[in-house]
Protein backbone atom coordinates (compact mmCIF):
# COMPACT_ATOMS: atom_id res chain seq x y z
CA UNK A 1 -7.76 12.07 -0.24
CA UNK A 2 -5.22 12.72 -2.70
CA UNK A 3 -6.21 10.85 -5.71
CA UNK A 4 -3.08 11.19 -7.77
CA UNK A 5 -1.25 9.46 -4.64
CA UNK A 6 -3.98 6.59 -4.76
CA UNK A 7 -3.41 5.99 -8.54
CA UNK A 8 0.47 6.40 -8.01
CA UNK A 9 0.34 3.77 -4.99
CA UNK A 10 -1.67 1.26 -7.04
CA UNK A 11 0.65 1.30 -9.81
CA UNK A 12 3.35 0.87 -7.20
CA UNK A 13 1.75 -2.08 -5.51
CA UNK A 14 1.00 -3.62 -9.14
CA UNK A 15 4.69 -3.43 -9.99
CA UNK A 16 6.08 -4.41 -6.41
CA UNK A 17 3.94 -7.64 -6.04
CA UNK A 18 4.14 -8.64 -9.64
CA UNK A 19 0.23 -8.07 -10.11
CA UNK A 20 0.84 -8.25 -13.75
CA UNK A 21 -2.85 -9.12 -14.85
CA UNK A 22 -4.24 -5.89 -12.65
CA UNK A 23 -4.29 -2.29 -13.60
CA UNK A 24 -5.00 0.51 -11.01
CA UNK A 25 -8.51 0.55 -11.96
CA UNK A 26 -8.81 -3.24 -10.86
CA UNK A 27 -7.95 -2.22 -7.21
CA UNK A 28 -10.60 -0.81 -5.30
CA UNK A 29 -9.30 1.99 -3.05
CA UNK A 30 -11.12 0.93 0.29
CA UNK A 31 -11.12 -2.97 0.04
CA UNK A 32 -8.98 -5.12 2.39
CA UNK A 33 -5.52 -5.84 0.85
CA UNK A 34 -5.22 -8.97 2.72
CA UNK A 35 -7.26 -12.02 3.22
CA UNK A 36 -10.53 -12.15 1.63
CA UNK A 37 -9.96 -8.77 -0.41
CA UNK A 38 -7.04 -8.52 -2.80
CA UNK A 39 -5.66 -11.84 -1.11
CA UNK A 40 -2.15 -10.69 -0.36
CA UNK A 41 0.05 -12.38 2.18
CA UNK A 42 2.98 -11.62 4.70
CA UNK A 43 5.64 -11.54 1.83
CA UNK A 44 3.61 -9.03 0.04
CA UNK A 45 3.34 -6.98 3.45
CA UNK A 46 7.28 -6.95 3.49
CA UNK A 47 7.29 -5.50 -0.15
CA UNK A 48 4.91 -3.13 0.85
CA UNK A 49 6.87 -1.74 3.85
CA UNK A 50 10.05 -1.84 1.38
CA UNK A 51 8.07 0.51 -1.31
CA UNK A 52 7.21 3.07 1.69
CA UNK A 53 10.66 3.08 2.36
CA UNK A 54 12.04 3.59 -1.05
CA UNK A 55 9.32 5.73 -2.50
CA UNK A 56 8.10 7.68 0.52
CA UNK A 57 11.03 7.72 2.83
CA UNK A 58 8.74 6.32 5.77
CA UNK A 59 9.78 3.63 8.08
CA UNK A 60 7.32 1.43 9.73
CA UNK A 61 9.09 1.14 13.24
CA UNK A 62 6.33 -0.74 14.96
CA UNK A 63 5.16 -4.05 13.04
CA UNK A 64 1.85 -4.18 14.84
CA UNK A 65 0.79 -0.95 13.43
CA UNK A 66 1.27 -2.65 9.82
CA UNK A 67 -2.43 -4.44 10.03
CA UNK A 68 -4.17 -1.06 10.18
CA UNK A 69 -1.78 0.82 7.89
CA UNK A 70 -1.93 -1.77 5.27
CA UNK A 71 -5.60 -2.38 5.49
CA UNK A 72 -6.34 -0.98 2.29
CA UNK A 73 -4.87 1.29 -0.54
CA UNK A 74 -6.78 4.19 1.28
CA UNK A 75 -5.43 3.50 4.49
CA UNK A 76 -1.57 3.42 3.17
CA UNK A 77 -2.36 6.67 1.26
CA UNK A 78 -3.61 8.29 4.42
CA UNK A 79 -0.54 7.17 6.47
CA UNK A 80 1.85 8.25 3.78
CA UNK A 81 -0.07 11.89 3.75
CA UNK A 82 0.32 11.91 7.52
CA UNK A 83 4.00 10.67 7.96
CA UNK A 84 5.74 11.53 4.76
CA UNK A 85 9.23 13.60 5.50
CA UNK A 86 8.75 16.96 3.99
């Protein structure tokens, strides 16, 4: 797993979701982002979709995939590595 991508992604999530009191070190790579983990909601999911399109050129075509892709920072980074246009 690309540690630089994970750190950058954490920073982008903090900025996009206005998690002002958090630092990248506060976000564990493998905890769930939604529900009991970081506590994000469906509005946050839309912000993550926009972040992926803006910074990585990735479009989530099938919304039902989102639950698996957005499970944790690790799963998002893995998806970016596999689907980012060259």
